[in-house]
């Protein structure tokens, strides 16, 4: 069964956005701060990225739906959009771990009991 063309296009855009090292670092930092997220200044400080560069990367991640932003007073708070990340991971997981079994699911998912 072929995946929905819109899903393929959306997934490609998201992977392209994650293809820049600073954007990947931003998403990782936001995941670590989930669910509250981080304000732009904290992201800038943690990753040592100039404000204008950070703004560009945050906007790209927001455009493809990987992060959300909310305003609180004069601060912008950014958070990882976990639904979008779940969709991205699921796109790969469906092929590698369920249909073709190229990678056994237990090699990726480790459940602690």
PDB file of N, CA and C in Angstrom:
ATOM      1  N   UNK A   1       0.829  -1.172   0.000  1.00  0.00           N
ATOM      2  CA  UNK A   1       0.000   0.000   0.000  1.00  0.00           C
ATOM      3  C   UNK A   1       0.884   1.250   0.000  1.00  0.00           C
ATOM      4  N   UNK A   2       0.610   2.159  -0.889  1.00  0.00           N
ATOM      5  CA  UNK A   2       1.400   3.382  -0.992  1.00  0.00           C
ATOM      6  C   UNK A   2       0.878   4.417  -0.005  1.00  0.00           C
ATOM      7  N   UNK A   3       1.800   5.133   0.661  1.00  0.00           N
ATOM      8  CA  UNK A   3       1.358   6.151   1.611  1.00  0.00           C
ATOM      9  C   UNK A   3       0.711   7.333   0.894  1.00  0.00           C
ATOM     10  N   UNK A   4      -0.108   8.048   1.612  1.00  0.00           N
ATOM     11  CA  UNK A   4      -0.774   9.234   1.111  1.00  0.00           C
ATOM     12  C   UNK A   4       0.277  10.228   0.596  1.00  0.00           C
ATOM     13  N   UNK A   5       0.131  10.725  -0.638  1.00  0.00           N
ATOM     14  CA  UNK A   5       1.105  11.675  -1.190  1.00  0.00           C
ATOM     15  C   UNK A   5       1.276  12.938  -0.335  1.00  0.00           C
ATOM     16  N   UNK A   6       0.215  13.386   0.301  1.00  0.00           N
ATOM     17  CA  UNK A   6       0.340  14.569   1.167  1.00  0.00           C
ATOM     18  C   UNK A   6       1.188  14.262   2.399  1.00  0.00           C
ATOM     19  N   UNK A   7       1.040  13.045   2.933  1.00  0.00           N
ATOM     20  CA  UNK A   7       1.856  12.630   4.067  1.00  0.00           C
ATOM     21  C   UNK A   7       3.320  12.552   3.654  1.00  0.00           C
ATOM     22  N   UNK A   8       3.588  12.020   2.482  1.00  0.00           N
ATOM     23  CA  UNK A   8       4.963  11.921   1.987  1.00  0.00           C
ATOM     24  C   UNK A   8       5.572  13.316   1.838  1.00  0.00           C
ATOM     25  N   UNK A   9       4.820  14.240   1.242  1.00  0.00           N
ATOM     26  CA  UNK A   9       5.319  15.605   1.045  1.00  0.00           C
ATOM     27  C   UNK A   9       5.579  16.295   2.383  1.00  0.00           C
ATOM     28  N   UNK A  10       4.639  16.167   3.324  1.00  0.00           N
ATOM     29  CA  UNK A  10       4.786  16.784   4.639  1.00  0.00           C
ATOM     30  C   UNK A  10       5.992  16.195   5.382  1.00  0.00           C
ATOM     31  N   UNK A  11       6.151  14.889   5.280  1.00  0.00           N
ATOM     32  CA  UNK A  11       7.275  14.221   5.943  1.00  0.00           C
ATOM     33  C   UNK A  11       8.597  14.676   5.336  1.00  0.00           C
ATOM     34  N   UNK A  12       8.660  14.795   4.023  1.00  0.00           N
ATOM     35  CA  UNK A  12       9.880  15.260   3.357  1.00  0.00           C
ATOM     36  C   UNK A  12      10.240  16.678   3.802  1.00  0.00           C
ATOM     37  N   UNK A  13       9.245  17.548   3.917  1.00  0.00           N
ATOM     38  CA  UNK A  13       9.500  18.918   4.378  1.00  0.00           C
ATOM     39  C   UNK A  13      10.024  18.924   5.808  1.00  0.00           C
ATOM     40  N   UNK A  14       9.478  18.072   6.626  1.00  0.00           N
ATOM     41  CA  UNK A  14       9.920  18.016   8.025  1.00  0.00           C
ATOM     42  C   UNK A  14      11.331  17.468   8.141  1.00  0.00           C
ATOM     43  N   UNK A  15      11.634  16.435   7.374  1.00  0.00           N
ATOM     44  CA  UNK A  15      13.002  15.915   7.405  1.00  0.00           C
ATOM     45  C   UNK A  15      13.980  16.947   6.865  1.00  0.00           C
ATOM     46  N   UNK A  16      13.588  17.686   5.842  1.00  0.00           N
ATOM     47  CA  UNK A  16      14.454  18.737   5.303  1.00  0.00           C
ATOM     48  C   UNK A  16      14.725  19.798   6.372  1.00  0.00           C
ATOM     49  N   UNK A  17      13.689  20.159   7.117  1.00  0.00           N
ATOM     50  CA  UNK A  17      13.865  21.149   8.181  1.00  0.00           C
ATOM     51  C   UNK A  17      14.817  20.635   9.258  1.00  0.00           C
ATOM     52  N   UNK A  18      14.743  19.364   9.555  1.00  0.00           N
ATOM     53  CA  UNK A  18      15.620  18.779  10.571  1.00  0.00           C
ATOM     54  C   UNK A  18      17.035  18.533  10.046  1.00  0.00           C
ATOM     55  N   UNK A  19      17.238  18.731   8.739  1.00  0.00           N
ATOM     56  CA  UNK A  19      18.537  18.491   8.128  1.00  0.00           C
ATOM     57  C   UNK A  19      19.589  19.525   8.479  1.00  0.00           C
ATOM     58  N   UNK A  20      19.197  20.621   9.098  1.00  0.00           N
ATOM     59  CA  UNK A  20      20.156  21.634   9.551  1.00  0.00           C
ATOM     60  C   UNK A  20      20.481  21.366  11.018  1.00  0.00           C
ATOM     61  N   UNK A  21      21.750  21.257  11.328  1.00  0.00           N
ATOM     62  CA  UNK A  21      22.170  20.906  12.690  1.00  0.00           C
ATOM     63  C   UNK A  21      21.561  21.813  13.764  1.00  0.00           C
ATOM     64  N   UNK A  22      21.522  23.137  13.573  1.00  0.00           N
ATOM     65  CA  UNK A  22      20.921  23.959  14.634  1.00  0.00           C
ATOM     66  C   UNK A  22      19.448  23.646  14.865  1.00  0.00           C
ATOM     67  N   UNK A  23      18.708  23.337  13.815  1.00  0.00           N
ATOM     68  CA  UNK A  23      17.292  23.025  13.981  1.00  0.00           C
ATOM     69  C   UNK A  23      17.112  21.700  14.702  1.00  0.00           C
ATOM     70  N   UNK A  24      17.954  20.743  14.404  1.00  0.00           N
ATOM     71  CA  UNK A  24      17.895  19.465  15.110  1.00  0.00           C
ATOM     72  C   UNK A  24      18.207  19.671  16.595  1.00  0.00           C
ATOM     73  N   UNK A  25      19.180  20.524  16.893  1.00  0.00           N
ATOM     74  CA  UNK A  25      19.515  20.828  18.286  1.00  0.00           C
ATOM     75  C   UNK A  25      18.349  21.533  18.985  1.00  0.00           C
ATOM     76  N   UNK A  26      17.676  22.417  18.282  1.00  0.00           N
ATOM     77  CA  UNK A  26      16.532  23.132  18.862  1.00  0.00           C
ATOM     78  C   UNK A  26      15.431  22.145  19.221  1.00  0.00           C
ATOM     79  N   UNK A  27      15.118  21.233  18.299  1.00  0.00           N
ATOM     80  CA  UNK A  27      14.056  20.257  18.564  1.00  0.00           C
ATOM     81  C   UNK A  27      14.435  19.374  19.754  1.00  0.00           C
ATOM     82  N   UNK A  28      15.675  18.953  19.822  1.00  0.00           N
ATOM     83  CA  UNK A  28      16.114  18.129  20.953  1.00  0.00           C
ATOM     84  C   UNK A  28      15.991  18.894  22.277  1.00  0.00           C
ATOM     85  N   UNK A  29      16.375  20.164  22.259  1.00  0.00           N
ATOM     86  CA  UNK A  29      16.268  20.979  23.478  1.00  0.00           C
ATOM     87  C   UNK A  29      14.805  21.141  23.889  1.00  0.00           C
ATOM     88  N   UNK A  30      13.931  21.334  22.905  1.00  0.00           N
ATOM     89  CA  UNK A  30      12.512  21.494  23.212  1.00  0.00           C
ATOM     90  C   UNK A  30      11.887  20.191  23.701  1.00  0.00           C
ATOM     91  N   UNK A  31      12.348  19.082  23.169  1.00  0.00           N
ATOM     92  CA  UNK A  31      11.865  17.793  23.672  1.00  0.00           C
ATOM     93  C   UNK A  31      12.305  17.581  25.110  1.00  0.00           C
ATOM     94  N   UNK A  32      13.520  17.990  25.432  1.00  0.00           N
ATOM     95  CA  UNK A  32      14.021  17.855  26.802  1.00  0.00           C
ATOM     96  C   UNK A  32      13.222  18.739  27.763  1.00  0.00           C
ATOM     97  N   UNK A  33      12.671  19.835  27.257  1.00  0.00           N
ATOM     98  CA  UNK A  33      11.907  20.769  28.082  1.00  0.00           C
ATOM     99  C   UNK A  33      10.402  20.529  27.994  1.00  0.00           C
ATOM    100  N   UNK A  34       9.999  19.429  27.385  1.00  0.00           N
ATOM    101  CA  UNK A  34       8.580  19.127  27.195  1.00  0.00           C
ATOM    102  C   UNK A  34       7.914  18.863  28.536  1.00  0.00           C
ATOM    103  N   UNK A  35       6.717  19.296  28.793  1.00  0.00           N
ATOM    104  CA  UNK A  35       5.798  19.948  27.866  1.00  0.00           C
ATOM    105  C   UNK A  35       5.843  21.473  27.914  1.00  0.00           C
ATOM    106  N   UNK A  36       6.526  22.039  28.894  1.00  0.00           N
ATOM    107  CA  UNK A  36       6.492  23.490  29.059  1.00  0.00           C
ATOM    108  C   UNK A  36       7.187  24.273  27.970  1.00  0.00           C
ATOM    109  N   UNK A  37       8.222  23.682  27.389  1.00  0.00           N
ATOM    110  CA  UNK A  37       8.975  24.368  26.356  1.00  0.00           C
ATOM    111  C   UNK A  37       9.999  25.328  26.926  1.00  0.00           C
ATOM    112  N   UNK A  38      10.554  26.139  26.042  1.00  0.00           N
ATOM    113  CA  UNK A  38      11.582  27.103  26.420  1.00  0.00           C
ATOM    114  C   UNK A  38      11.271  28.446  25.778  1.00  0.00           C
ATOM    115  N   UNK A  39      11.653  29.516  26.460  1.00  0.00           N
ATOM    116  CA  UNK A  39      11.518  30.829  25.822  1.00  0.00           C
ATOM    117  C   UNK A  39      12.716  31.006  24.888  1.00  0.00           C
ATOM    118  N   UNK A  40      12.554  31.890  23.921  1.00  0.00           N
ATOM    119  CA  UNK A  40      13.573  32.076  22.888  1.00  0.00           C
ATOM    120  C   UNK A  40      14.937  32.390  23.497  1.00  0.00           C
ATOM    121  N   UNK A  41      14.964  33.219  24.527  1.00  0.00           N
ATOM    122  CA  UNK A  41      16.233  33.573  25.162  1.00  0.00           C
ATOM    123  C   UNK A  41      16.942  32.377  25.768  1.00  0.00           C
ATOM    124  N   UNK A  42      16.178  31.455  26.343  1.00  0.00           N
ATOM    125  CA  UNK A  42      16.782  30.253  26.920  1.00  0.00           C
ATOM    126  C   UNK A  42      17.348  29.335  25.833  1.00  0.00           C
ATOM    127  N   UNK A  43      16.643  29.247  24.714  1.00  0.00           N
ATOM    128  CA  UNK A  43      17.145  28.443  23.595  1.00  0.00           C
ATOM    129  C   UNK A  43      18.442  29.061  23.085  1.00  0.00           C
ATOM    130  N   UNK A  44      18.434  30.364  22.930  1.00  0.00           N
ATOM    131  CA  UNK A  44      19.611  31.073  22.429  1.00  0.00           C
ATOM    132  C   UNK A  44      20.806  30.847  23.352  1.00  0.00           C
ATOM    133  N   UNK A  45      20.565  30.962  24.644  1.00  0.00           N
ATOM    134  CA  UNK A  45      21.647  30.774  25.616  1.00  0.00           C
ATOM    135  C   UNK A  45      22.156  29.335  25.622  1.00  0.00           C
ATOM    136  N   UNK A  46      21.223  28.378  25.608  1.00  0.00           N
ATOM    137  CA  UNK A  46      21.616  26.972  25.669  1.00  0.00           C
ATOM    138  C   UNK A  46      22.419  26.541  24.443  1.00  0.00           C
ATOM    139  N   UNK A  47      22.027  27.022  23.271  1.00  0.00           N
ATOM    140  CA  UNK A  47      22.671  26.583  22.035  1.00  0.00           C
ATOM    141  C   UNK A  47      23.713  27.564  21.496  1.00  0.00           C
ATOM    142  N   UNK A  48      23.837  28.722  22.143  1.00  0.00           N
ATOM    143  CA  UNK A  48      24.801  29.747  21.729  1.00  0.00           C
ATOM    144  C   UNK A  48      24.627  30.111  20.247  1.00  0.00           C
ATOM    145  N   UNK A  49      23.390  30.480  19.899  1.00  0.00           N
ATOM    146  CA  UNK A  49      23.032  30.855  18.530  1.00  0.00           C
ATOM    147  C   UNK A  49      22.664  32.336  18.533  1.00  0.00           C
ATOM    148  N   UNK A  50      23.179  33.131  17.594  1.00  0.00           N
ATOM    149  CA  UNK A  50      22.777  34.542  17.518  1.00  0.00           C
ATOM    150  C   UNK A  50      21.261  34.662  17.343  1.00  0.00           C
ATOM    151  N   UNK A  51      20.678  35.713  17.901  1.00  0.00           N
ATOM    152  CA  UNK A  51      19.226  35.892  17.896  1.00  0.00           C
ATOM    153  C   UNK A  51      18.630  35.848  16.492  1.00  0.00           C
ATOM    154  N   UNK A  52      19.251  36.515  15.531  1.00  0.00           N
ATOM    155  CA  UNK A  52      18.694  36.540  14.178  1.00  0.00           C
ATOM    156  C   UNK A  52      18.729  35.149  13.539  1.00  0.00           C
ATOM    157  N   UNK A  53      19.785  34.413  13.787  1.00  0.00           N
ATOM    158  CA  UNK A  53      19.892  33.051  13.258  1.00  0.00           C
ATOM    159  C   UNK A  53      18.873  32.140  13.928  1.00  0.00           C
ATOM    160  N   UNK A  54      18.742  32.276  15.231  1.00  0.00           N
ATOM    161  CA  UNK A  54      17.767  31.475  15.971  1.00  0.00           C
ATOM    162  C   UNK A  54      16.359  31.740  15.460  1.00  0.00           C
ATOM    163  N   UNK A  55      16.038  32.991  15.253  1.00  0.00           N
ATOM    164  CA  UNK A  55      14.721  33.369  14.757  1.00  0.00           C
ATOM    165  C   UNK A  55      14.422  32.685  13.423  1.00  0.00           C
ATOM    166  N   UNK A  56      15.394  32.665  12.545  1.00  0.00           N
ATOM    167  CA  UNK A  56      15.240  32.004  11.235  1.00  0.00           C
ATOM    168  C   UNK A  56      14.950  30.512  11.418  1.00  0.00           C
ATOM    169  N   UNK A  57      15.710  29.854  12.270  1.00  0.00           N
ATOM    170  CA  UNK A  57      15.535  28.413  12.481  1.00  0.00           C
ATOM    171  C   UNK A  57      14.193  28.103  13.154  1.00  0.00           C
ATOM    172  N   UNK A  58      13.809  28.911  14.121  1.00  0.00           N
ATOM    173  CA  UNK A  58      12.520  28.702  14.789  1.00  0.00           C
ATOM    174  C   UNK A  58      11.365  28.872  13.801  1.00  0.00           C
ATOM    175  N   UNK A  59      11.463  29.851  12.935  1.00  0.00           N
ATOM    176  CA  UNK A  59      10.401  30.084  11.958  1.00  0.00           C
ATOM    177  C   UNK A  59      10.279  28.896  11.005  1.00  0.00           C
ATOM    178  N   UNK A  60      11.388  28.353  10.565  1.00  0.00           N
ATOM    179  CA  UNK A  60      11.354  27.192   9.660  1.00  0.00           C
ATOM    180  C   UNK A  60      10.707  25.997  10.352  1.00  0.00           C
ATOM    181  N   UNK A  61      11.068  25.738  11.583  1.00  0.00           N
ATOM    182  CA  UNK A  61      10.482  24.614  12.325  1.00  0.00           C
ATOM    183  C   UNK A  61       8.990  24.825  12.554  1.00  0.00           C
ATOM    184  N   UNK A  62       8.602  26.062  12.791  1.00  0.00           N
ATOM    185  CA  UNK A  62       7.187  26.381  12.981  1.00  0.00           C
ATOM    186  C   UNK A  62       6.417  26.191  11.674  1.00  0.00           C
ATOM    187  N   UNK A  63       6.999  26.604  10.555  1.00  0.00           N
ATOM    188  CA  UNK A  63       6.346  26.474   9.242  1.00  0.00           C
ATOM    189  C   UNK A  63       5.994  25.035   8.907  1.00  0.00           C
ATOM    190  N   UNK A  64       6.857  24.105   9.280  1.00  0.00           N
ATOM    191  CA  UNK A  64       6.607  22.701   8.945  1.00  0.00           C
ATOM    192  C   UNK A  64       5.876  21.963  10.067  1.00  0.00           C
ATOM    193  N   UNK A  65       5.497  22.686  11.110  1.00  0.00           N
ATOM    194  CA  UNK A  65       4.672  22.106  12.162  1.00  0.00           C
ATOM    195  C   UNK A  65       5.404  21.286  13.201  1.00  0.00           C
ATOM    196  N   UNK A  66       6.732  21.437  13.302  1.00  0.00           N
ATOM    197  CA  UNK A  66       7.477  20.660  14.288  1.00  0.00           C
ATOM    198  C   UNK A  66       7.527  21.319  15.658  1.00  0.00           C
ATOM    199  N   UNK A  67       7.246  22.627  15.711  1.00  0.00           N
ATOM    200  CA  UNK A  67       7.207  23.320  16.983  1.00  0.00           C
ATOM    201  C   UNK A  67       5.994  24.252  17.013  1.00  0.00           C
ATOM    202  N   UNK A  68       5.611  24.619  18.217  1.00  0.00           N
ATOM    203  CA  UNK A  68       4.552  25.602  18.403  1.00  0.00           C
ATOM    204  C   UNK A  68       5.133  26.775  19.183  1.00  0.00           C
ATOM    205  N   UNK A  69       4.448  27.899  19.111  1.00  0.00           N
ATOM    206  CA  UNK A  69       4.891  29.083  19.847  1.00  0.00           C
ATOM    207  C   UNK A  69       3.688  29.712  20.537  1.00  0.00           C
ATOM    208  N   UNK A  70       3.917  30.206  21.742  1.00  0.00           N
ATOM    209  CA  UNK A  70       2.874  30.933  22.455  1.00  0.00           C
ATOM    210  C   UNK A  70       3.515  32.168  23.094  1.00  0.00           C
ATOM    211  N   UNK A  71       2.734  33.211  23.179  1.00  0.00           N
ATOM    212  CA  UNK A  71       3.220  34.452  23.782  1.00  0.00           C
ATOM    213  C   UNK A  71       2.712  34.541  25.212  1.00  0.00           C
ATOM    214  N   UNK A  72       3.632  34.825  26.110  1.00  0.00           N
ATOM    215  CA  UNK A  72       3.281  35.111  27.496  1.00  0.00           C
ATOM    216  C   UNK A  72       3.963  36.421  27.845  1.00  0.00           C
ATOM    217  N   UNK A  73       3.142  37.460  27.942  1.00  0.00           N
ATOM    218  CA  UNK A  73       3.683  38.775  28.223  1.00  0.00           C
ATOM    219  C   UNK A  73       4.603  39.179  27.074  1.00  0.00           C
ATOM    220  N   UNK A  74       5.849  39.515  27.357  1.00  0.00           N
ATOM    221  CA  UNK A  74       6.759  39.895  26.277  1.00  0.00           C
ATOM    222  C   UNK A  74       7.611  38.721  25.793  1.00  0.00           C
ATOM    223  N   UNK A  75       7.374  37.529  26.325  1.00  0.00           N
ATOM    224  CA  UNK A  75       8.191  36.374  25.982  1.00  0.00           C
ATOM    225  C   UNK A  75       7.486  35.445  24.997  1.00  0.00           C
ATOM    226  N   UNK A  76       8.265  34.874  24.091  1.00  0.00           N
ATOM    227  CA  UNK A  76       7.771  33.834  23.194  1.00  0.00           C
ATOM    228  C   UNK A  76       8.287  32.502  23.707  1.00  0.00           C
ATOM    229  N   UNK A  77       7.359  31.583  23.931  1.00  0.00           N
ATOM    230  CA  UNK A  77       7.695  30.253  24.413  1.00  0.00           C
ATOM    231  C   UNK A  77       7.506  29.255  23.280  1.00  0.00           C
ATOM    232  N   UNK A  78       8.503  28.419  23.074  1.00  0.00           N
ATOM    233  CA  UNK A  78       8.470  27.424  22.007  1.00  0.00           C
ATOM    234  C   UNK A  78       8.399  26.036  22.623  1.00  0.00           C
ATOM    235  N   UNK A  79       7.654  25.160  21.962  1.00  0.00           N
ATOM    236  CA  UNK A  79       7.514  23.783  22.439  1.00  0.00           C
ATOM    237  C   UNK A  79       7.536  22.835  21.246  1.00  0.00           C
ATOM    238  N   UNK A  80       8.010  21.634  21.476  1.00  0.00           N
ATOM    239  CA  UNK A  80       7.994  20.601  20.440  1.00  0.00           C
ATOM    240  C   UNK A  80       6.554  20.190  20.179  1.00  0.00           C
ATOM    241  N   UNK A  81       6.215  20.023  18.926  1.00  0.00           N
ATOM    242  CA  UNK A  81       4.878  19.551  18.540  1.00  0.00           C
ATOM    243  C   UNK A  81       4.968  18.032  18.452  1.00  0.00           C
ATOM    244  N   UNK A  82       4.624  17.367  19.546  1.00  0.00           N
ATOM    245  CA  UNK A  82       4.838  15.930  19.636  1.00  0.00           C
ATOM    246  C   UNK A  82       3.977  15.136  18.655  1.00  0.00           C
ATOM    247  N   UNK A  83       2.821  15.639  18.289  1.00  0.00           N
ATOM    248  CA  UNK A  83       2.001  14.946  17.290  1.00  0.00           C
ATOM    249  C   UNK A  83       2.702  14.873  15.949  1.00  0.00           C
ATOM    250  N   UNK A  84       3.349  15.967  15.557  1.00  0.00           N
ATOM    251  CA  UNK A  84       4.085  15.995  14.294  1.00  0.00           C
ATOM    252  C   UNK A  84       5.301  15.066  14.358  1.00  0.00           C
ATOM    253  N   UNK A  85       5.971  15.059  15.486  1.00  0.00           N
ATOM    254  CA  UNK A  85       7.129  14.170  15.635  1.00  0.00           C
ATOM    255  C   UNK A  85       6.700  12.709  15.644  1.00  0.00           C
ATOM    256  N   UNK A  86       5.560  12.432  16.259  1.00  0.00           N
ATOM    257  CA  UNK A  86       5.028  11.062  16.260  1.00  0.00           C
ATOM    258  C   UNK A  86       4.729  10.625  14.830  1.00  0.00           C
ATOM    259  N   UNK A  87       4.133  11.521  14.044  1.00  0.00           N
ATOM    260  CA  UNK A  87       3.831  11.205  12.649  1.00  0.00           C
ATOM    261  C   UNK A  87       5.109  10.945  11.859  1.00  0.00           C
ATOM    262  N   UNK A  88       6.131  11.759  12.097  1.00  0.00           N
ATOM    263  CA  UNK A  88       7.414  11.616  11.404  1.00  0.00           C
ATOM    264  C   UNK A  88       8.067  10.275  11.728  1.00  0.00           C
ATOM    265  N   UNK A  89       8.116   9.953  12.999  1.00  0.00           N
ATOM    266  CA  UNK A  89       8.707   8.675  13.407  1.00  0.00           C
ATOM    267  C   UNK A  89       7.868   7.497  12.928  1.00  0.00           C
ATOM    268  N   UNK A  90       6.566   7.643  12.990  1.00  0.00           N
ATOM    269  CA  UNK A  90       5.676   6.585  12.534  1.00  0.00           C
ATOM    270  C   UNK A  90       5.821   6.297  11.056  1.00  0.00           C
ATOM    271  N   UNK A  91       6.082   7.333  10.273  1.00  0.00           N
ATOM    272  CA  UNK A  91       6.272   7.169   8.834  1.00  0.00           C
ATOM    273  C   UNK A  91       7.410   6.182   8.555  1.00  0.00           C
ATOM    274  N   UNK A  92       8.516   6.356   9.251  1.00  0.00           N
ATOM    275  CA  UNK A  92       9.650   5.436   9.072  1.00  0.00           C
ATOM    276  C   UNK A  92       9.384   4.086   9.725  1.00  0.00           C
ATOM    277  N   UNK A  93       8.813   4.124  10.906  1.00  0.00           N
ATOM    278  CA  UNK A  93       8.569   2.898  11.662  1.00  0.00           C
ATOM    279  C   UNK A  93       7.664   1.940  10.889  1.00  0.00           C
ATOM    280  N   UNK A  94       6.649   2.479  10.226  1.00  0.00           N
ATOM    281  CA  UNK A  94       5.722   1.627   9.473  1.00  0.00           C
ATOM    282  C   UNK A  94       6.443   0.779   8.437  1.00  0.00           C
ATOM    283  N   UNK A  95       7.416   1.353   7.779  1.00  0.00           N
ATOM    284  CA  UNK A  95       8.137   0.606   6.747  1.00  0.00           C
ATOM    285  C   UNK A  95       9.220  -0.296   7.324  1.00  0.00           C
ATOM    286  N   UNK A  96      10.037   0.258   8.206  1.00  0.00           N
ATOM    287  CA  UNK A  96      11.205  -0.503   8.656  1.00  0.00           C
ATOM    288  C   UNK A  96      10.878  -1.569   9.686  1.00  0.00           C
ATOM    289  N   UNK A  97       9.828  -1.370  10.434  1.00  0.00           N
ATOM    290  CA  UNK A  97       9.607  -2.232  11.593  1.00  0.00           C
ATOM    291  C   UNK A  97       8.310  -3.022  11.568  1.00  0.00           C
ATOM    292  N   UNK A  98       7.410  -2.711  10.669  1.00  0.00           N
ATOM    293  CA  UNK A  98       6.162  -3.460  10.643  1.00  0.00           C
ATOM    294  C   UNK A  98       5.998  -4.219   9.339  1.00  0.00           C
ATOM    295  N   UNK A  99       6.091  -3.523   8.219  1.00  0.00           N
ATOM    296  CA  UNK A  99       5.863  -4.229   6.951  1.00  0.00           C
ATOM    297  C   UNK A  99       7.076  -5.041   6.522  1.00  0.00           C
ATOM    298  N   UNK A 100       8.240  -4.422   6.435  1.00  0.00           N
ATOM    299  CA  UNK A 100       9.398  -5.156   5.937  1.00  0.00           C
ATOM    300  C   UNK A 100      10.192  -5.829   7.047  1.00  0.00           C
ATOM    301  N   UNK A 101      10.027  -5.359   8.283  1.00  0.00           N
ATOM    302  CA  UNK A 101      10.764  -5.869   9.438  1.00  0.00           C
ATOM    303  C   UNK A 101      12.274  -5.770   9.235  1.00  0.00           C
ATOM    304  N   UNK A 102      12.702  -4.748   8.476  1.00  0.00           N
ATOM    305  CA  UNK A 102      14.133  -4.513   8.272  1.00  0.00           C
ATOM    306  C   UNK A 102      14.841  -4.274   9.607  1.00  0.00           C
ATOM    307  N   UNK A 103      14.129  -3.644  10.521  1.00  0.00           N
ATOM    308  CA  UNK A 103      14.630  -3.417  11.870  1.00  0.00           C
ATOM    309  C   UNK A 103      13.578  -3.970  12.824  1.00  0.00           C
ATOM    310  N   UNK A 104      13.953  -4.891  13.700  1.00  0.00           N
ATOM    311  CA  UNK A 104      12.960  -5.421  14.631  1.00  0.00           C
ATOM    312  C   UNK A 104      12.476  -4.321  15.576  1.00  0.00           C
ATOM    313  N   UNK A 105      11.175  -4.242  15.822  1.00  0.00           N
ATOM    314  CA  UNK A 105      10.638  -3.192  16.700  1.00  0.00           C
ATOM    315  C   UNK A 105      11.329  -3.133  18.068  1.00  0.00           C
ATOM    316  N   UNK A 106      11.676  -4.274  18.607  1.00  0.00           N
ATOM    317  CA  UNK A 106      12.309  -4.279  19.918  1.00  0.00           C
ATOM    318  C   UNK A 106      13.709  -3.666  19.900  1.00  0.00           C
ATOM    319  N   UNK A 107      14.291  -3.490  18.712  1.00  0.00           N
ATOM    320  CA  UNK A 107      15.585  -2.809  18.605  1.00  0.00           C
ATOM    321  C   UNK A 107      15.424  -1.300  18.768  1.00  0.00           C
ATOM    322  N   UNK A 108      14.204  -0.798  18.619  1.00  0.00           N
ATOM    323  CA  UNK A 108      13.947   0.636  18.712  1.00  0.00           C
ATOM    324  C   UNK A 108      13.220   0.976  19.997  1.00  0.00           C
ATOM    325  N   UNK A 109      12.192   0.212  20.315  1.00  0.00           N
ATOM    326  CA  UNK A 109      11.341   0.509  21.466  1.00  0.00           C
ATOM    327  C   UNK A 109      11.775  -0.367  22.636  1.00  0.00           C
ATOM    328  N   UNK A 110      12.142   0.281  23.712  1.00  0.00           N
ATOM    329  CA  UNK A 110      12.540  -0.444  24.911  1.00  0.00           C
ATOM    330  C   UNK A 110      11.563  -0.073  26.027  1.00  0.00           C
ATOM    331  N   UNK A 111      10.776  -1.014  26.430  1.00  0.00           N
ATOM    332  CA  UNK A 111       9.797  -0.784  27.493  1.00  0.00           C
ATOM    333  C   UNK A 111      10.393  -1.234  28.817  1.00  0.00           C
ATOM    334  N   UNK A 112      10.323  -0.337  29.799  1.00  0.00           N
ATOM    335  CA  UNK A 112      10.789  -0.687  31.142  1.00  0.00           C
ATOM    336  C   UNK A 112       9.594  -1.114  31.963  1.00  0.00           C
ATOM    337  N   UNK A 113       9.712  -2.253  32.571  1.00  0.00           N
ATOM    338  CA  UNK A 113       8.614  -2.789  33.371  1.00  0.00           C
ATOM    339  C   UNK A 113       8.870  -2.560  34.824  1.00  0.00           C
TER     340      UNK A 113
END
